[in-house]
Structure formats: structure tokens, C-alpha cells
Amino acid sequence: MELNTEKIKTELKKRDWSVYRLAKEMGMANQTLYKILNDGGNNYTLATVQRIANALGVPPKELLE
């Protein structure tokens, strides 16, 4: 399974959030999140998916393809 980075970017646009803001909401370094999102969604853990989902208020399964 891959992380659906387009879905995450769409959710960010809806909220008018930057990747930096999402990283702050997650308590993660923004460089790490940029790398995950720009790496095509191949380099992540399930815990990271959960943290992204919690920050965006969406179910984690929506973020996976």
C-alpha cells in the first residue's frame, strides 16, 4: 500500500494549511513530512498515517491506496 499523497494535499488545500502547519499539528519535523509527501508516499509507517489522519480529521484508510 502507498500513501495517497494527493489526498493529503487536497485535504491541506481544503483547510488552507501548509505542510509546515500539518507537521506542527502532528508534532513532526516538517522536513520529515516533506520527504514523505515528495517521496511518492512509499516511505512511511502506519503510526505516521494515523498521526496525519488525526491531524486532518479523516479516517486513516482514506489516506492509503
C-alpha atoms as a PDB file:
ATOM      1  CA  MET A   1       0.000   0.000   0.000  1.00  0.00           C
ATOM      2  CA  GLU A   2       1.080   3.511  -0.724  1.00  0.00           C
ATOM      3  CA  LEU A   3       0.256   6.734   0.992  1.00  0.00           C
ATOM      4  CA  ASN A   4      -2.201   8.764  -1.086  1.00  0.00           C
ATOM      5  CA  THR A   5      -0.206  11.978  -1.123  1.00  0.00           C
ATOM      6  CA  GLU A   6      -2.684  13.658  -3.462  1.00  0.00           C
ATOM      7  CA  LYS A   7      -5.481  13.095  -0.924  1.00  0.00           C
ATOM      8  CA  ILE A   8      -3.317  14.657   1.790  1.00  0.00           C
ATOM      9  CA  LYS A   9      -2.518  17.653  -0.417  1.00  0.00           C
ATOM     10  CA  THR A  10      -6.229  18.038  -1.229  1.00  0.00           C
ATOM     11  CA  GLU A  11      -7.086  17.999   2.478  1.00  0.00           C
ATOM     12  CA  LEU A  12      -4.399  20.604   3.123  1.00  0.00           C
ATOM     13  CA  LYS A  13      -5.857  22.841   0.414  1.00  0.00           C
ATOM     14  CA  LYS A  14      -9.358  22.494   1.895  1.00  0.00           C
ATOM     15  CA  ARG A  15      -8.058  23.740   5.224  1.00  0.00           C
ATOM     16  CA  ASP A  16      -5.694  26.315   3.713  1.00  0.00           C
ATOM     17  CA  TRP A  17      -2.849  24.608   5.581  1.00  0.00           C
ATOM     18  CA  SER A  18       0.775  24.282   4.575  1.00  0.00           C
ATOM     19  CA  VAL A  19       2.831  21.142   5.017  1.00  0.00           C
ATOM     20  CA  TYR A  20       4.578  23.032   7.812  1.00  0.00           C
ATOM     21  CA  ARG A  21       1.239  23.534   9.614  1.00  0.00           C
ATOM     22  CA  LEU A  22       0.339  19.849   9.245  1.00  0.00           C
ATOM     23  CA  ALA A  23       3.745  18.851  10.600  1.00  0.00           C
ATOM     24  CA  LYS A  24       3.230  21.146  13.611  1.00  0.00           C
ATOM     25  CA  GLU A  25      -0.254  19.673  14.221  1.00  0.00           C
ATOM     26  CA  MET A  26       1.296  16.194  14.104  1.00  0.00           C
ATOM     27  CA  GLY A  27       4.296  17.060  16.272  1.00  0.00           C
ATOM     28  CA  MET A  28       6.654  16.011  13.475  1.00  0.00           C
ATOM     29  CA  ALA A  29       9.588  17.775  11.858  1.00  0.00           C
ATOM     30  CA  ASN A  30       8.384  19.456   8.681  1.00  0.00           C
ATOM     31  CA  GLN A  31      11.432  18.166   6.765  1.00  0.00           C
ATOM     32  CA  THR A  32      10.357  14.608   7.557  1.00  0.00           C
ATOM     33  CA  LEU A  33       6.812  15.219   6.363  1.00  0.00           C
ATOM     34  CA  TYR A  34       8.033  16.940   3.179  1.00  0.00           C
ATOM     35  CA  LYS A  35      10.201  13.902   2.469  1.00  0.00           C
ATOM     36  CA  ILE A  36       7.267  11.503   2.973  1.00  0.00           C
ATOM     37  CA  LEU A  37       4.988  13.545   0.707  1.00  0.00           C
ATOM     38  CA  ASN A  38       7.576  14.142  -2.012  1.00  0.00           C
ATOM     39  CA  ASP A  39       8.901  10.577  -1.999  1.00  0.00           C
ATOM     40  CA  GLY A  40       5.731   9.340  -3.672  1.00  0.00           C
ATOM     41  CA  GLY A  41       4.251   8.022  -0.449  1.00  0.00           C
ATOM     42  CA  ASN A  42       6.494   4.985  -0.183  1.00  0.00           C
ATOM     43  CA  ASN A  43       8.406   5.869   2.964  1.00  0.00           C
ATOM     44  CA  TYR A  44       6.008   5.912   5.928  1.00  0.00           C
ATOM     45  CA  THR A  45       4.906   3.958   8.980  1.00  0.00           C
ATOM     46  CA  LEU A  46       1.354   3.139   9.994  1.00  0.00           C
ATOM     47  CA  ALA A  47       1.859   5.329  13.058  1.00  0.00           C
ATOM     48  CA  THR A  48       2.632   8.243  10.728  1.00  0.00           C
ATOM     49  CA  VAL A  49      -0.530   7.565   8.721  1.00  0.00           C
ATOM     50  CA  GLN A  50      -2.519   7.608  11.953  1.00  0.00           C
ATOM     51  CA  ARG A  51      -0.939  10.893  13.020  1.00  0.00           C
ATOM     52  CA  ILE A  52      -1.692  12.507   9.651  1.00  0.00           C
ATOM     53  CA  ALA A  53      -5.273  11.219   9.771  1.00  0.00           C
ATOM     54  CA  ASN A  54      -5.767  12.524  13.314  1.00  0.00           C
ATOM     55  CA  ALA A  55      -4.401  15.950  12.402  1.00  0.00           C
ATOM     56  CA  LEU A  56      -6.633  16.165   9.321  1.00  0.00           C
ATOM     57  CA  GLY A  57      -9.661  14.595  10.985  1.00  0.00           C
ATOM     58  CA  VAL A  58     -10.077  11.859   8.375  1.00  0.00           C
ATOM     59  CA  PRO A  59     -10.100   8.060   8.683  1.00  0.00           C
ATOM     60  CA  PRO A  60      -6.606   6.585   8.139  1.00  0.00           C
ATOM     61  CA  LYS A  61      -7.841   4.233   5.397  1.00  0.00           C
ATOM     62  CA  GLU A  62      -8.708   7.268   3.261  1.00  0.00           C
ATOM     63  CA  LEU A  63      -5.009   8.112   3.139  1.00  0.00           C
ATOM     64  CA  LEU A  64      -3.926   4.757   1.720  1.00  0.00           C
ATOM     65  CA  GLU A  65      -4.277   3.425  -1.815  1.00  0.00           C
END
